[in-house]
Amino acid sequence: MVTSPSSVPRLVVAAPSSGSGKTTVATGLMAAFATRGLAVSPHKVGPDYIDPGYHALATGRTGRNLDAYLCGPELIAPLFLHGARGCDLAVVEGVMGLYDGAAGEGELASTAQVAKLLGAPVVLVVDASAQSRSVAALVHGFASWDPGVRIGGVILNKVGSDRHEALLREALESCGVPVLGALRRAEPVSTPSRHLGLVPVAERRAAAVDSVAAMADLVVRGCDLDALEALARSAGAVPGGSAPWTPDRPARPRPQSPDGLVVAVAGGEAFTFSYAEHAELLAAAGAEVVTFDPLRDERLPEGTRGLVIGGGFPEVYAGELSANEPLRKAVAELAYSGAPVAAECAGLLYLCRELDGQPMCGVLDATARMTERLTLGYRDAVAVGDSALAAAGTRMRGHEFHRTVVEPGAGAAPAWGVRAPVRRVEGFVQNGVHASYLHMHWASEPGVARRFVERCRTS
C-alpha cells in the first residue's frame, strides 16, 4: 500500500525538553511499524548524525536529517519527500524541546517549524516520572502555544505504576489531547553515551540491535499503534506542493563511473558522521563513491582521485588510527599530490600532525587535543578563498560540535570566515585540501559536490 510521497502518512515525535525519551519512542515506533510490514521512512530534525543510525536499524532504510538552519526551510519538504519515496509511513524524531530552535533565531530549525513545514501531526513525549496532575498544565501549554502546531496525542514516558498512569490519564482528560501510550521505566532500552551523545551504531552494532528491539517491544506493549497509525494517516498532502529533492543529475547504479573517477569516503567506527545526500550528490556529479575504513584498510580504494573524511570520534580511536601507518602515508601522499580532500571535524583532526600525542597523517602543520570544553552551535560561514570545495565568497551554514582544539585554528589560507559567535577565520586550505571543524549539508549548495568532482577529474 505504498502511497504518493506528497501525501505519505507521517508523525513528528517531539517532547517538552531533551531527555524526555524522544529517541526511545521514535525508534521504537519506527521498528514497531516496520514489524507490521510497513515501509517506514526515518527522519531526524537537526544536525544529529547518531540517532539516524538507530533509525536505520529500526527500519532498514537510510536515516535522513531535516535541518532548516543548514539547508533552509525551503528544502525541508523536498528532502523529506526524497527520503519518503516508496514508503507507507514516515516518522520524524524531533530535536531538543518542541519549540527550541537556533539560538536567537525564533522558531528556525525547531521541531515545531519542521512539523509545520511538513503539515505533520505531533506526538508529544512527556517524562511523567515526577508529576501527576501537573502534566495537564504542561500539555495544555504546549498544545496552545502555537496554533500552527497540531499536537495529536501524548505518550507518557517513565510511568511508575498503574496508579500513577491512572492519575496522569485522569488529569489529561480535560486537555482534549488523547493519550496514545504510557511507557514504564525500562533499563533495557537505555543506550550508552559519552562526551558527544549516544555511542554510534557502528561501534556497538549487536548491542544496538538489541536496544532497538527493546525499544520496539516497549512501544508495542505501551502504545496504541492503531491510533498512532490513524493519526499519521490524518496528515494530508505536504504543504506548498513541493517536489522531492534530487541531485542535479539523478545517480544511476553502476559498477564504476564512466571515467573511473573514484571518490573515497572514510567510514567505520571512527568516522560515522555523514549525510546520505553527500554521497548521492557525488554520484550524480559522476563519481564512484567507495567507502573505506581508516582503522583497518591499509590502502585507499583502487583509483582514488579524491577523498572525503567526515565527522566521528577519532579521539576515541587515536591509537588505532595512528597504528595504521600505511594508510596514514597513503592519505598524506594523495593530499601532497594535489588531489581534492574534503575534511570535516574528525577529518580535520586526522589530517593533523598528531592527536593527543599520537601521530596522524601530518598533512596539516597543526596539532589536535581533547579538552573539557564543548564547542557547539550553528555557524554562518563564507569561503575566504578558492578551494576544491568552494569558490571564494561562497556562503554556507554549518554546525560545530566537538570537545577538541586544533592549534593553530587556521592556516595561512583559512577555509572559512565565521560570523558567530565571534568573527574569526578557521580551517585550512592548501593544495587540494579543504579542512574545517564545520559540518555542512551539501544539499543546501549542490555546487560544492560538482566542483569537488570536477577538481578530482582535472587534478
Protein backbone atom coordinates (compact mmCIF):
# COMPACT_ATOMS: atom_id res chain seq x y z
CA MET A 1 0.00 0.00 0.00
CA VAL A 2 2.77 2.41 -0.96
CA THR A 3 1.44 5.97 -1.10
CA SER A 4 2.49 9.05 -3.01
CA PRO A 5 5.40 10.75 -1.23
CA SER A 6 3.49 14.05 -1.22
CA SER A 7 0.78 12.54 0.99
CA VAL A 8 2.72 9.89 2.88
CA PRO A 9 1.25 9.34 6.38
CA ARG A 10 3.57 10.94 8.91
CA LEU A 11 4.19 11.72 12.55
CA VAL A 12 6.60 14.03 14.32
CA VAL A 13 7.78 12.76 17.71
CA ALA A 14 8.57 15.72 19.97
CA ALA A 15 8.98 16.49 23.67
CA PRO A 16 8.97 19.41 26.10
CA SER A 17 12.73 19.06 26.59
CA SER A 18 15.76 16.92 25.85
CA GLY A 19 15.95 13.71 27.85
CA SER A 20 12.21 13.05 27.76
CA GLY A 21 12.50 9.88 25.68
CA LYS A 22 12.09 11.04 22.06
CA THR A 23 14.71 8.66 20.69
CA THR A 24 13.26 5.68 22.54
CA VAL A 25 9.73 6.39 21.35
CA ALA A 26 10.60 7.42 17.79
CA THR A 27 12.94 4.49 17.20
CA GLY A 28 10.52 2.09 18.87
CA LEU A 29 7.66 3.36 16.70
CA MET A 30 9.74 3.00 13.56
CA ALA A 31 10.62 -0.60 14.43
CA ALA A 32 7.08 -1.45 15.52
CA PHE A 33 5.54 -0.12 12.31
CA ALA A 34 8.21 -1.89 10.25
CA THR A 35 7.36 -5.15 12.02
CA ARG A 36 3.77 -4.61 10.88
CA GLY A 37 5.05 -4.82 7.32
CA LEU A 38 5.07 -1.09 6.60
CA ALA A 39 7.88 0.57 4.69
CA VAL A 40 8.89 3.26 7.20
CA SER A 41 10.83 6.38 6.26
CA PRO A 42 13.01 7.57 9.19
CA HIS A 43 13.95 11.22 9.73
CA LYS A 44 15.66 13.34 12.39
CA VAL A 45 15.23 17.07 12.97
CA GLY A 46 18.54 18.92 13.32
CA PRO A 47 22.18 18.12 12.58
CA ASP A 48 22.44 14.96 14.71
CA TYR A 49 24.32 12.12 12.98
CA ILE A 50 23.91 9.42 15.63
CA ASP A 51 20.16 8.94 16.05
CA PRO A 52 19.68 8.25 12.31
CA GLY A 53 21.92 5.19 12.70
CA TYR A 54 19.46 3.72 15.19
CA HIS A 55 16.59 4.72 12.92
CA ALA A 56 18.22 2.84 10.05
CA LEU A 57 18.45 -0.29 12.20
CA ALA A 58 14.77 0.04 13.08
CA THR A 59 13.55 0.47 9.51
CA GLY A 60 16.15 -0.99 7.17
CA ARG A 61 16.24 2.37 5.36
CA THR A 62 18.70 5.25 5.44
CA GLY A 63 18.12 7.68 8.29
CA ARG A 64 17.94 11.25 6.99
CA ASN A 65 18.21 14.68 8.62
CA LEU A 66 15.87 17.65 8.27
CA ASP A 67 17.71 20.80 9.33
CA ALA A 68 16.08 24.12 8.49
CA TYR A 69 19.17 26.09 9.53
CA LEU A 70 21.74 24.16 7.50
CA CYS A 71 19.52 23.67 4.44
CA GLY A 72 16.94 26.46 4.71
CA PRO A 73 13.21 25.98 5.42
CA GLU A 74 12.52 25.72 1.69
CA LEU A 75 14.39 22.39 1.46
CA ILE A 76 12.70 20.64 4.40
CA ALA A 77 9.70 19.34 2.46
CA PRO A 78 11.71 18.35 -0.65
CA LEU A 79 14.30 16.47 1.45
CA PHE A 80 11.53 14.76 3.39
CA LEU A 81 9.77 13.71 0.19
CA HIS A 82 13.07 12.42 -1.21
CA GLY A 83 13.55 10.16 1.79
CA ALA A 84 9.90 9.07 1.83
CA ARG A 85 9.82 7.81 -1.75
CA GLY A 86 8.27 4.36 -1.87
CA CYS A 87 7.25 4.37 1.79
CA ASP A 88 3.98 3.69 3.57
CA LEU A 89 4.60 5.90 6.58
CA ALA A 90 7.21 8.34 7.94
CA VAL A 91 8.33 9.01 11.49
CA VAL A 92 10.28 12.20 12.25
CA GLU A 93 12.18 12.42 15.53
CA GLY A 94 12.41 15.96 16.86
CA VAL A 95 15.30 17.79 18.48
CA MET A 96 15.54 19.32 21.99
CA GLY A 97 12.20 20.75 23.18
CA LEU A 98 9.39 21.14 20.66
CA TYR A 99 9.80 24.90 20.30
CA ASP A 100 13.59 25.11 20.75
CA GLY A 101 15.46 26.25 17.65
CA ALA A 102 18.66 28.00 16.63
CA ALA A 103 19.72 30.46 19.33
CA GLY A 104 18.35 33.93 18.70
CA GLU A 105 16.52 32.85 15.53
CA GLY A 106 12.98 32.36 16.80
CA GLU A 107 11.45 29.09 15.61
CA LEU A 108 14.13 28.48 12.95
CA ALA A 109 15.35 24.86 13.00
CA SER A 110 12.91 23.87 15.74
CA THR A 111 10.85 20.71 15.70
CA ALA A 112 7.74 22.91 15.64
CA GLN A 113 8.87 24.63 12.46
CA VAL A 114 9.62 21.32 10.73
CA ALA A 115 6.21 19.93 11.78
CA LYS A 116 4.51 22.96 10.25
CA LEU A 117 6.56 22.78 7.06
CA LEU A 118 5.55 19.12 6.70
CA GLY A 119 1.94 19.58 7.80
CA ALA A 120 2.54 16.71 10.22
CA PRO A 121 0.74 15.96 13.49
CA VAL A 122 2.94 15.92 16.59
CA VAL A 123 3.08 13.23 19.24
CA LEU A 124 4.36 14.78 22.48
CA VAL A 125 6.51 12.50 24.64
CA VAL A 126 6.31 13.62 28.28
CA ASP A 127 8.61 12.46 31.05
CA ALA A 128 5.98 11.85 33.70
CA SER A 129 8.32 10.42 36.33
CA ALA A 130 7.97 13.32 38.79
CA GLN A 131 4.46 14.63 38.20
CA SER A 132 0.81 13.69 38.16
CA ARG A 133 -1.91 16.38 37.72
CA SER A 134 0.63 18.97 36.59
CA VAL A 135 1.05 17.03 33.35
CA ALA A 136 -2.24 18.57 32.17
CA ALA A 137 -0.93 22.11 32.54
CA LEU A 138 2.25 21.20 30.69
CA VAL A 139 0.44 19.54 27.77
CA HIS A 140 -2.15 22.33 27.58
CA GLY A 141 0.63 24.91 27.36
CA PHE A 142 2.46 23.09 24.58
CA ALA A 143 -0.75 22.43 22.66
CA SER A 144 -1.90 26.05 22.78
CA TRP A 145 1.41 27.87 22.36
CA ASP A 146 1.40 27.86 18.55
CA PRO A 147 -1.93 27.28 16.77
CA GLY A 148 0.01 26.20 13.68
CA VAL A 149 1.36 23.14 15.51
CA ARG A 150 -1.10 20.29 15.77
CA ILE A 151 -0.39 18.11 18.81
CA GLY A 152 -2.36 14.98 18.01
CA GLY A 153 -1.55 12.93 21.07
CA VAL A 154 0.62 12.34 24.11
CA ILE A 155 2.82 9.41 25.07
CA LEU A 156 3.60 9.29 28.76
CA ASN A 157 7.11 8.05 29.47
CA LYS A 158 8.73 6.71 32.66
CA VAL A 159 5.40 5.96 34.29
CA GLY A 160 5.93 4.40 37.71
CA SER A 161 2.84 2.23 38.26
CA ASP A 162 -0.73 1.52 37.22
CA ARG A 163 -1.92 4.01 39.85
CA HIS A 164 0.47 6.67 38.51
CA GLU A 165 -0.80 6.05 34.98
CA ALA A 166 -4.43 6.39 36.10
CA LEU A 167 -3.71 9.75 37.75
CA LEU A 168 -1.97 11.05 34.62
CA ARG A 169 -4.76 9.93 32.30
CA GLU A 170 -7.42 11.45 34.56
CA ALA A 171 -5.57 14.79 34.59
CA LEU A 172 -5.27 14.83 30.81
CA GLU A 173 -8.96 14.15 30.13
CA SER A 174 -9.68 17.89 30.24
CA CYS A 175 -6.98 18.83 27.73
CA GLY A 176 -8.57 17.44 24.60
CA VAL A 177 -5.28 15.76 23.67
CA PRO A 178 -5.59 11.96 23.66
CA VAL A 179 -3.15 9.72 25.49
CA LEU A 180 -1.73 7.36 22.86
CA GLY A 181 0.63 5.45 25.12
CA ALA A 182 2.10 5.02 28.57
CA LEU A 183 5.58 3.53 28.91
CA ARG A 184 7.01 2.13 32.11
CA ARG A 185 10.54 2.84 33.24
CA ALA A 186 12.74 0.26 31.47
CA GLU A 187 16.51 -0.15 31.70
CA PRO A 188 16.93 -2.45 28.65
CA VAL A 189 16.13 0.39 26.23
CA SER A 190 18.93 2.63 27.51
CA THR A 191 21.87 3.21 25.19
CA PRO A 192 25.37 4.18 26.30
CA SER A 193 26.53 7.77 25.92
CA ARG A 194 29.82 9.63 26.08
CA HIS A 195 31.13 13.15 25.53
CA LEU A 196 29.13 13.91 22.35
CA GLY A 197 25.97 11.89 22.96
CA LEU A 198 24.93 8.31 22.19
CA VAL A 199 27.54 5.80 21.07
CA PRO A 200 27.03 5.31 17.30
CA VAL A 201 25.54 2.08 15.95
CA ALA A 202 28.74 1.28 14.04
CA GLU A 203 30.60 0.92 17.35
CA ARG A 204 28.11 -1.44 19.02
CA ARG A 205 26.04 -3.00 16.28
CA ALA A 206 25.00 -6.21 18.04
CA ALA A 207 24.09 -4.38 21.25
CA ALA A 208 22.36 -1.66 19.22
CA VAL A 209 20.17 -4.26 17.51
CA ASP A 210 19.13 -5.49 20.95
CA SER A 211 18.44 -1.91 22.11
CA VAL A 212 16.23 -1.21 19.10
CA ALA A 213 14.35 -4.46 19.66
CA ALA A 214 13.78 -3.47 23.30
CA MET A 215 12.51 -0.04 22.23
CA ALA A 216 10.09 -1.67 19.80
CA ASP A 217 8.85 -4.08 22.47
CA LEU A 218 8.31 -1.23 24.94
CA VAL A 219 6.31 0.75 22.37
CA VAL A 220 4.24 -2.25 21.26
CA ARG A 221 3.30 -3.04 24.87
CA GLY A 222 2.64 0.53 25.93
CA CYS A 223 1.25 2.37 22.89
CA ASP A 224 -1.92 2.26 20.81
CA LEU A 225 -0.29 1.58 17.44
CA ASP A 226 -3.62 1.60 15.61
CA ALA A 227 -4.41 5.09 16.93
CA LEU A 228 -0.90 6.30 16.12
CA GLU A 229 -1.13 4.96 12.57
CA ALA A 230 -4.54 6.60 12.17
CA LEU A 231 -3.08 9.89 13.38
CA ALA A 232 -0.28 9.58 10.83
CA ARG A 233 -2.83 8.90 8.09
CA SER A 234 -4.77 12.02 9.03
CA ALA A 235 -1.99 14.18 7.57
CA GLY A 236 -2.90 15.45 4.13
CA ALA A 237 -0.55 16.43 1.34
CA VAL A 238 2.68 18.14 2.34
CA PRO A 239 2.03 21.91 2.15
CA GLY A 240 3.29 24.00 -0.72
CA GLY A 241 3.20 21.46 -3.50
CA SER A 242 6.92 20.67 -3.12
CA ALA A 243 8.56 18.09 -5.35
CA PRO A 244 11.06 15.60 -3.92
CA TRP A 245 14.66 16.76 -3.76
CA THR A 246 17.05 15.09 -6.19
CA PRO A 247 20.71 15.57 -7.05
CA ASP A 248 21.10 17.74 -10.16
CA ARG A 249 21.63 14.66 -12.30
CA PRO A 250 19.95 11.59 -10.76
CA ALA A 251 22.54 8.94 -9.98
CA ARG A 252 22.05 5.54 -11.64
CA PRO A 253 23.53 2.43 -10.04
CA ARG A 254 26.67 1.41 -11.86
CA PRO A 255 29.79 -0.59 -11.01
CA GLN A 256 32.02 2.39 -11.66
CA SER A 257 31.95 5.91 -13.04
CA PRO A 258 32.42 6.23 -16.82
CA ASP A 259 35.94 7.61 -16.45
CA GLY A 260 36.92 5.52 -13.41
CA LEU A 261 36.78 8.51 -11.06
CA VAL A 262 36.69 7.16 -7.50
CA VAL A 263 35.95 9.36 -4.51
CA ALA A 264 36.88 7.53 -1.31
CA VAL A 265 34.74 8.26 1.76
CA ALA A 266 36.01 7.43 5.25
CA GLY A 267 33.74 5.16 7.29
CA GLY A 268 33.95 2.53 10.01
CA GLU A 269 33.74 3.11 13.74
CA ALA A 270 35.96 6.21 13.81
CA PHE A 271 34.16 8.15 11.05
CA THR A 272 30.41 7.67 11.40
CA PHE A 273 29.13 11.19 10.70
CA SER A 274 27.84 11.76 7.19
CA TYR A 275 24.69 12.85 5.43
CA ALA A 276 23.36 10.41 2.82
CA GLU A 277 22.81 13.25 0.36
CA HIS A 278 26.56 13.89 0.13
CA ALA A 279 27.25 10.51 -1.48
CA GLU A 280 24.20 10.94 -3.71
CA LEU A 281 25.45 14.33 -4.91
CA LEU A 282 28.95 12.98 -5.57
CA ALA A 283 27.49 10.09 -7.57
CA ALA A 284 25.22 12.44 -9.50
CA ALA A 285 28.28 14.52 -10.39
CA GLY A 286 29.89 11.46 -11.96
CA ALA A 287 31.94 9.87 -9.18
CA GLU A 288 32.03 6.30 -8.00
CA VAL A 289 31.72 6.59 -4.21
CA VAL A 290 33.68 3.92 -2.32
CA THR A 291 33.76 3.67 1.47
CA PHE A 292 36.94 2.65 3.31
CA ASP A 293 37.79 2.12 6.98
CA PRO A 294 40.81 4.06 8.30
CA LEU A 295 41.03 1.69 11.27
CA ARG A 296 41.52 -1.43 9.14
CA ASP A 297 42.26 -0.67 5.49
CA GLU A 298 45.92 -0.14 4.75
CA ARG A 299 45.31 1.29 1.29
CA LEU A 300 42.90 3.75 -0.24
CA PRO A 301 40.40 2.25 -2.71
CA GLU A 302 41.83 1.49 -6.13
CA GLY A 303 41.67 4.50 -8.42
CA THR A 304 41.02 7.07 -5.68
CA ARG A 305 41.09 10.59 -7.15
CA GLY A 306 39.50 12.41 -4.22
CA LEU A 307 38.94 11.88 -0.53
CA VAL A 308 36.09 12.84 1.83
CA ILE A 309 36.70 12.44 5.57
CA GLY A 310 33.66 13.41 7.62
CA GLY A 311 32.98 13.57 11.32
CA GLY A 312 33.16 10.96 14.03
CA PHE A 313 35.26 10.01 17.02
CA PRO A 314 38.95 9.83 16.06
CA GLU A 315 39.85 10.84 19.62
CA VAL A 316 38.40 7.53 20.83
CA TYR A 317 40.42 5.59 18.26
CA ALA A 318 43.56 7.73 18.12
CA GLY A 319 45.87 4.82 18.97
CA GLU A 320 44.42 2.53 16.31
CA LEU A 321 44.36 5.26 13.66
CA SER A 322 47.96 6.07 14.45
CA ALA A 323 48.97 2.41 14.30
CA ASN A 324 47.68 2.14 10.72
CA GLU A 325 50.79 3.82 9.34
CA PRO A 326 50.41 2.53 5.75
CA LEU A 327 47.05 4.26 5.37
CA ARG A 328 48.24 7.46 7.04
CA LYS A 329 51.06 7.60 4.49
CA ALA A 330 48.66 6.89 1.63
CA VAL A 331 46.39 9.74 2.71
CA ALA A 332 49.36 12.09 3.00
CA GLU A 333 50.67 11.12 -0.44
CA LEU A 334 47.26 11.70 -2.01
CA ALA A 335 46.99 15.12 -0.34
CA TYR A 336 50.55 16.11 -1.35
CA SER A 337 49.75 15.15 -4.95
CA GLY A 338 47.17 17.94 -5.06
CA ALA A 339 44.14 15.64 -5.18
CA PRO A 340 40.99 17.12 -3.62
CA VAL A 341 40.46 16.26 0.04
CA ALA A 342 37.39 17.48 1.97
CA ALA A 343 37.67 17.02 5.73
CA GLU A 344 35.16 17.97 8.43
CA CYS A 345 35.83 17.97 12.16
CA ALA A 346 37.09 14.41 12.74
CA GLY A 347 38.63 14.53 9.28
CA LEU A 348 40.42 17.74 10.25
CA LEU A 349 41.89 16.01 13.32
CA TYR A 350 43.00 13.03 11.24
CA LEU A 351 44.92 15.29 8.85
CA CYS A 352 46.86 16.99 11.68
CA ARG A 353 50.42 16.06 12.71
CA GLU A 354 49.14 14.47 15.89
CA LEU A 355 46.03 13.95 18.01
CA ASP A 356 46.53 13.72 21.77
CA GLY A 357 50.19 12.97 21.16
CA GLN A 358 49.51 10.17 18.64
CA PRO A 359 50.90 10.66 15.11
CA MET A 360 48.22 11.26 12.47
CA CYS A 361 48.55 11.90 8.74
CA GLY A 362 50.70 15.02 9.01
CA VAL A 363 49.04 16.74 6.08
CA LEU A 364 48.41 19.88 8.14
CA ASP A 365 51.03 21.63 10.23
CA ALA A 366 48.80 21.56 13.29
CA THR A 367 48.20 19.51 16.42
CA ALA A 368 44.89 18.44 17.97
CA ARG A 369 43.94 17.52 21.50
CA MET A 370 40.90 16.74 23.62
CA THR A 371 39.62 19.38 26.05
CA GLU A 372 36.86 19.57 28.67
CA ARG A 373 35.11 22.39 26.80
CA LEU A 374 32.22 21.64 24.46
CA THR A 375 32.10 23.79 21.33
CA LEU A 376 28.58 23.64 19.96
CA GLY A 377 26.40 25.71 17.68
CA TYR A 378 25.29 26.75 14.24
CA ARG A 379 27.65 28.93 12.23
CA ASP A 380 27.28 31.28 9.25
CA ALA A 381 30.36 30.91 7.07
CA VAL A 382 31.83 32.37 3.90
CA ALA A 383 34.67 30.82 1.90
CA VAL A 384 37.73 33.04 2.36
CA GLY A 385 39.41 31.90 -0.86
CA ASP A 386 39.05 29.39 -3.67
CA SER A 387 39.33 25.72 -2.76
CA ALA A 388 38.46 22.33 -4.20
CA LEU A 389 35.17 22.54 -2.35
CA ALA A 390 34.02 26.14 -2.71
CA ALA A 391 34.75 29.28 -4.68
CA ALA A 392 35.76 32.38 -2.74
CA GLY A 393 32.69 34.14 -1.39
CA THR A 394 30.53 31.01 -1.25
CA ARG A 395 28.18 31.34 1.71
CA MET A 396 27.08 28.28 3.64
CA ARG A 397 25.74 27.45 7.05
CA GLY A 398 27.46 24.89 9.23
CA HIS A 399 27.32 23.22 12.61
CA GLU A 400 30.18 22.88 15.08
CA PHE A 401 30.15 20.10 17.71
CA HIS A 402 33.35 18.90 19.40
CA ARG A 403 35.46 18.81 22.55
CA THR A 404 38.81 19.20 20.82
CA VAL A 405 41.04 22.08 19.85
CA VAL A 406 43.37 22.39 16.86
CA GLU A 407 46.43 24.62 17.15
CA PRO A 408 46.68 26.77 15.14
CA GLY A 409 42.98 27.08 14.42
CA ALA A 410 43.53 28.29 10.88
CA GLY A 411 46.18 28.00 8.21
CA ALA A 412 47.81 30.69 6.11
CA ALA A 413 44.85 30.20 3.77
CA PRO A 414 41.80 29.63 6.02
CA ALA A 415 38.79 27.63 4.91
CA TRP A 416 36.01 29.84 6.27
CA GLY A 417 35.31 33.22 7.74
CA VAL A 418 32.80 32.61 10.54
CA ARG A 419 30.39 35.24 11.82
CA ALA A 420 29.17 33.67 15.05
CA PRO A 421 29.63 33.50 17.98
CA VAL A 422 32.56 35.85 17.23
CA ARG A 423 34.07 36.90 13.93
CA ARG A 424 37.05 34.70 13.11
CA VAL A 425 38.66 32.60 10.44
CA GLU A 426 39.07 28.86 10.79
CA GLY A 427 40.21 25.79 8.92
CA PHE A 428 42.84 25.11 6.28
CA VAL A 429 43.08 25.30 2.50
CA GLN A 430 46.31 24.01 0.96
CA ASN A 431 46.84 22.35 -2.39
CA GLY A 432 43.61 20.37 -2.84
CA VAL A 433 42.82 20.12 0.87
CA HIS A 434 39.82 21.81 2.46
CA ALA A 435 39.74 21.02 6.20
CA SER A 436 37.48 22.60 8.79
CA TYR A 437 35.60 22.00 12.02
CA LEU A 438 32.29 22.91 10.36
CA HIS A 439 29.82 20.23 9.33
CA MET A 440 27.96 21.29 6.19
CA HIS A 441 24.91 19.84 4.46
CA TRP A 442 25.79 19.88 0.77
CA ALA A 443 22.15 19.73 -0.33
CA SER A 444 21.98 23.43 0.56
CA GLU A 445 24.68 24.18 -2.03
CA PRO A 446 24.91 21.26 -4.53
CA GLY A 447 27.58 23.11 -6.46
CA VAL A 448 30.21 22.11 -3.89
CA ALA A 449 29.85 18.43 -4.82
CA ARG A 450 30.02 19.19 -8.55
CA ARG A 451 33.05 21.42 -8.01
CA PHE A 452 34.77 18.76 -5.91
CA VAL A 453 34.24 16.01 -8.51
CA GLU A 454 35.37 18.29 -11.33
CA ARG A 455 38.57 19.06 -9.40
CA CYS A 456 39.06 15.31 -8.94
CA ARG A 457 38.71 14.90 -12.68
CA THR A 458 41.25 17.62 -13.53
CA SER A 459 43.82 17.38 -10.74
